[in-house]
Every structure is written in C-alpha cells, then in structure tokens.
Amino acid sequence: MLKIWGRTNSINVQKVLWCCAELEIGFQRVDAGGKFGVNNTAEYLEMNPNGLVPTIDDDGFILWESHAIVRYLSRKHGLGTLWPKEHKEAADADRWMEWYSTTLWNNLRPVFWNLVRVEPEKRDVKLVEDSRKKMAENLKLVESRLADRPFVAGGTLTVGDIPMGVALHRWFLLPIERPAYPKLAAYYERLKQRPAFTQHCAAPLT
C-alpha cells in the first residue's frame, strides 16, 4: 500500500491526499512535520534529505516534492482523468502546476505564514499587503482563464486544479481584502462540492 508521510494541515500534503482521494488510491498516512517531528530523524532524512513533507513510498519507490508526487500518481492511476491522455491537454494542465510554483505560491506564502503561523505582534504587515496585492493580480489571470471553462485546463478536473484549489482555499479564508472575481469564486465553490476536496483540503487554516 502507498505510504505517505505528512501532516494533514500542510498545503503540500493536502495536494497529495486530494489526488489520492480523487483516484481512489488507498494509502497509509504517517503524521510528520510540524509538531509531529519525524521529518528530522535520520530515517526520514535518508528518504528525503530536504527534511520536508510529503514523502511517499510506493512499493519501495521513494518520491518527494508534492507536484512530482501528484504527477506520478496521476500518470499511474489517472491517465485520461487527472492526467489527460492528449499531450497538449496534459501540458496545459501541467503548466498551471508550474505557474503555482513559480508565481502564485511566492505571493501566497508570506500572506498565509504571517496571518496564520506568526504571532500578531511579529507580523510583517507591509509584506502581507504587498504580497496580497500581487496575488490579486495573479488571480486576475485565473479569473480570465475561467471565463469559458469550468476548470483551469478545460471541462474536467485535472492536476492543474489541485495546487490552485488548495491555494484558493487559503485565499478565500484568510482575513484579507479580495477583489470581486465571480468566476474564481464560482470555481472555488465547484471544488468545494467535490468529496475528495472536502475531506482533505477544506479544514480551517492552521
């Protein structure tokens, strides 16, 4: 059985858990990271020298990096669903995973970290506001993208929606000013209707 190391409130672990639930992949999860530790042990570092979560063991195949894991599982178990069969459609979905990594996360992380994980008196308020504005501009692009499609890569959920979904959950729950993006809000509501998202990604922010 697939084994996953990671805590359930990690945004990166949530991507993998959501993917597994969509594809009905059975797994055993081990609490690791944050208050649980484990990721700083010699045994864990032998698997993942970065000391981060998630890490998976799929019948002896060790893999880390959340997007690599989602791609791997989707190609193996979700070819034609989460991972489109047509190469251009797959590249389109994959593009949005990359955009999350190179653009969206860079602006979401300072907002989330300061408002959720940092004590109020220690928050970098200017960084939060600057990052919020940048993320609002980022999401304007997604709002436009969703004008003629229900999901970022077309008519069905793909790997491209998984990073976007966990990011939007934070965007809509954080106590920040948000521009009115009706397509984006409707998209988030569609994601919240998915049992796999509700189970693994819709918890309060911690």
Protein backbone atom coordinates (compact mmCIF):
# COMPACT_ATOMS: atom_id res chain seq x y z
CA MET A 1 0.00 0.00 0.00
CA LEU A 2 1.08 3.55 -0.73
CA LYS A 3 2.59 5.19 2.35
CA ILE A 4 2.52 8.97 2.80
CA TRP A 5 4.45 10.94 5.40
CA GLY A 6 2.98 14.32 6.23
CA ARG A 7 0.63 16.29 8.48
CA THR A 8 -2.88 16.96 7.24
CA ASN A 9 -2.68 20.76 7.62
CA SER A 10 0.28 21.04 5.23
CA ILE A 11 -0.73 22.59 1.91
CA ASN A 12 1.68 20.30 0.10
CA VAL A 13 0.45 17.16 1.81
CA GLN A 14 -3.14 18.15 1.07
CA LYS A 15 -2.39 18.15 -2.66
CA VAL A 16 -1.29 14.53 -2.48
CA LEU A 17 -4.18 13.42 -0.25
CA TRP A 18 -6.70 15.12 -2.55
CA CYS A 19 -5.13 13.44 -5.58
CA CYS A 20 -5.30 10.03 -3.90
CA ALA A 21 -8.93 10.51 -2.96
CA GLU A 22 -9.92 11.59 -6.47
CA LEU A 23 -8.22 8.49 -7.89
CA GLU A 24 -9.46 6.20 -5.10
CA ILE A 25 -5.91 5.17 -4.18
CA GLY A 26 -5.65 3.50 -0.80
CA PHE A 27 -2.88 4.78 1.42
CA GLN A 28 -1.42 4.76 4.90
CA ARG A 29 -0.51 8.19 6.23
CA VAL A 30 2.08 8.87 8.92
CA ASP A 31 1.98 12.17 10.83
CA ALA A 32 5.21 14.00 10.09
CA GLY A 33 6.38 17.60 10.06
CA GLY A 34 5.46 20.50 12.31
CA LYS A 35 4.56 19.48 15.86
CA PHE A 36 4.92 15.80 14.97
CA GLY A 37 8.60 15.90 14.10
CA VAL A 38 9.70 12.68 12.36
CA ASN A 39 10.96 14.63 9.33
CA ASN A 40 14.16 15.49 11.22
CA THR A 41 15.05 11.89 12.04
CA ALA A 42 17.89 10.03 10.37
CA GLU A 43 15.45 7.52 8.92
CA TYR A 44 13.32 10.20 7.31
CA LEU A 45 16.28 12.21 6.04
CA GLU A 46 17.59 9.10 4.34
CA MET A 47 14.38 9.07 2.31
CA ASN A 48 14.07 12.82 1.86
CA PRO A 49 17.27 14.78 2.56
CA ASN A 50 15.29 18.05 2.43
CA GLY A 51 13.50 17.09 5.62
CA LEU A 52 10.19 18.33 4.25
CA VAL A 53 6.78 16.75 3.73
CA PRO A 54 5.27 14.99 1.90
CA THR A 55 7.29 11.92 1.05
CA ILE A 56 5.77 8.74 -0.37
CA ASP A 57 6.82 5.12 -0.55
CA ASP A 58 5.06 3.31 -3.39
CA ASP A 59 6.14 -0.33 -3.16
CA GLY A 60 9.72 0.71 -2.46
CA PHE A 61 9.77 3.72 -4.79
CA ILE A 62 10.53 6.80 -2.68
CA LEU A 63 9.43 10.16 -4.03
CA TRP A 64 9.28 13.67 -2.59
CA GLU A 65 8.09 17.07 -3.88
CA SER A 66 4.31 17.38 -3.87
CA HIS A 67 3.86 18.22 -7.55
CA ALA A 68 6.13 15.38 -8.64
CA ILE A 69 4.08 13.03 -6.46
CA VAL A 70 0.76 14.28 -7.89
CA ARG A 71 2.07 13.88 -11.43
CA TYR A 72 3.41 10.41 -10.72
CA LEU A 73 0.20 9.15 -9.13
CA SER A 74 -1.96 10.76 -11.82
CA ARG A 75 0.04 9.25 -14.67
CA LYS A 76 -0.02 5.86 -12.97
CA HIS A 77 -3.63 5.77 -11.79
CA GLY A 78 -5.40 8.65 -13.54
CA LEU A 79 -4.34 8.60 -17.19
CA GLY A 80 -7.27 10.08 -19.02
CA THR A 81 -8.73 11.77 -15.93
CA LEU A 82 -6.44 13.84 -13.70
CA TRP A 83 -3.69 13.40 -16.28
CA PRO A 84 -5.18 13.97 -19.76
CA LYS A 85 -4.25 11.45 -22.46
CA GLU A 86 -3.80 14.08 -25.15
CA HIS A 87 -0.31 15.57 -24.85
CA LYS A 88 -1.30 19.20 -25.37
CA GLU A 89 -4.10 18.96 -22.81
CA ALA A 90 -1.69 17.35 -20.35
CA ALA A 91 0.85 20.11 -20.94
CA ASP A 92 -1.84 22.73 -20.39
CA ALA A 93 -2.79 21.20 -17.04
CA ASP A 94 0.86 20.82 -16.08
CA ARG A 95 1.50 24.47 -16.94
CA TRP A 96 -0.83 25.55 -14.12
CA MET A 97 1.06 23.41 -11.62
CA GLU A 98 4.25 25.16 -12.67
CA TRP A 99 2.62 28.59 -12.52
CA TYR A 100 1.56 27.90 -8.97
CA SER A 101 5.18 27.06 -8.06
CA THR A 102 6.86 29.93 -9.87
CA THR A 103 4.30 32.69 -9.32
CA LEU A 104 1.25 32.15 -7.11
CA TRP A 105 2.91 30.44 -4.14
CA ASN A 106 5.58 33.12 -3.91
CA ASN A 107 2.85 35.63 -3.07
CA LEU A 108 0.51 33.40 -1.09
CA ARG A 109 3.16 32.10 1.29
CA PRO A 110 4.01 35.43 3.01
CA VAL A 111 0.33 36.23 3.50
CA PHE A 112 -0.56 32.81 4.88
CA TRP A 113 2.53 32.48 7.03
CA ASN A 114 2.22 35.88 8.66
CA LEU A 115 -1.53 35.75 9.27
CA VAL A 116 -1.76 32.12 10.40
CA ARG A 117 1.59 30.98 11.74
CA VAL A 118 3.16 34.20 13.12
CA GLU A 119 2.09 35.93 16.34
CA PRO A 120 0.29 39.25 15.62
CA GLU A 121 3.00 41.45 17.12
CA LYS A 122 5.65 39.80 14.96
CA ARG A 123 3.85 40.01 11.62
CA ASP A 124 5.37 41.83 8.66
CA VAL A 125 2.28 43.84 7.77
CA LYS A 126 3.86 45.55 4.76
CA LEU A 127 4.96 42.23 3.29
CA VAL A 128 1.46 40.85 3.78
CA GLU A 129 -0.15 43.76 1.96
CA ASP A 130 2.40 43.81 -0.87
CA SER A 131 2.01 40.07 -1.36
CA ARG A 132 -1.78 40.29 -1.20
CA LYS A 133 -1.82 42.86 -3.99
CA LYS A 134 0.49 40.72 -6.12
CA MET A 135 -1.64 37.66 -5.55
CA ALA A 136 -4.76 39.60 -6.51
CA GLU A 137 -3.06 40.45 -9.79
CA ASN A 138 -2.05 36.81 -10.25
CA LEU A 139 -5.61 35.64 -9.74
CA LYS A 140 -6.95 38.14 -12.28
CA LEU A 141 -5.30 35.89 -14.85
CA VAL A 142 -7.14 32.86 -13.47
CA GLU A 143 -10.43 34.79 -13.47
CA SER A 144 -9.93 35.45 -17.17
CA ARG A 145 -8.95 31.85 -17.82
CA LEU A 146 -12.17 30.59 -16.25
CA ALA A 147 -14.38 32.76 -18.45
CA ASP A 148 -15.08 29.90 -20.87
CA ARG A 149 -14.31 26.75 -18.90
CA PRO A 150 -15.22 25.22 -15.53
CA PHE A 151 -11.67 24.12 -14.69
CA VAL A 152 -8.27 25.62 -15.47
CA ALA A 153 -7.41 23.13 -18.23
CA GLY A 154 -10.88 22.62 -19.68
CA GLY A 155 -14.08 20.80 -18.89
CA THR A 156 -12.90 18.40 -16.21
CA LEU A 157 -10.72 18.40 -13.11
CA THR A 158 -7.02 17.80 -13.82
CA VAL A 159 -3.72 18.03 -11.97
CA GLY A 160 -3.72 21.74 -12.77
CA ASP A 161 -6.64 22.30 -10.42
CA ILE A 162 -5.04 20.66 -7.39
CA PRO A 163 -2.48 23.35 -6.48
CA MET A 164 -4.97 26.03 -7.50
CA GLY A 165 -7.64 24.60 -5.23
CA VAL A 166 -5.53 24.46 -2.08
CA ALA A 167 -4.28 27.98 -2.78
CA LEU A 168 -7.79 29.35 -3.24
CA HIS A 169 -8.95 27.77 -0.01
CA ARG A 170 -6.41 29.95 1.78
CA TRP A 171 -7.17 32.99 -0.36
CA PHE A 172 -10.87 32.87 0.50
CA LEU A 173 -10.43 32.04 4.19
CA LEU A 174 -7.66 34.48 5.10
CA PRO A 175 -8.77 37.78 6.70
CA ILE A 176 -7.72 39.94 3.76
CA GLU A 177 -9.25 42.25 1.17
CA ARG A 178 -10.15 40.42 -2.05
CA PRO A 179 -11.20 41.84 -5.43
CA ALA A 180 -14.55 40.64 -6.76
CA TYR A 181 -13.68 37.76 -9.08
CA PRO A 182 -17.01 35.98 -9.72
CA LYS A 183 -15.60 33.27 -11.98
CA LEU A 184 -12.92 32.46 -9.43
CA ALA A 185 -15.45 32.34 -6.61
CA ALA A 186 -17.72 30.03 -8.62
CA TYR A 187 -14.74 27.80 -9.43
CA TYR A 188 -13.85 27.55 -5.74
CA GLU A 189 -17.45 26.62 -4.96
CA ARG A 190 -17.27 23.84 -7.58
CA LEU A 191 -14.12 22.49 -5.98
CA LYS A 192 -15.76 22.54 -2.54
CA GLN A 193 -18.53 20.30 -3.88
CA ARG A 194 -16.02 17.53 -4.54
CA PRO A 195 -15.95 14.99 -1.69
CA ALA A 196 -12.19 14.49 -2.06
CA PHE A 197 -11.56 18.22 -1.64
CA THR A 198 -13.93 18.47 1.30
CA GLN A 199 -12.29 15.53 3.02
CA HIS A 200 -8.69 16.62 2.68
CA CYS A 201 -8.49 20.35 1.87
CA ALA A 202 -11.42 22.24 3.38
CA ALA A 203 -10.41 22.35 7.04
CA PRO A 204 -9.91 25.65 8.93
CA LEU A 205 -6.46 27.16 8.43
CA THR A 206 -3.87 26.17 11.00
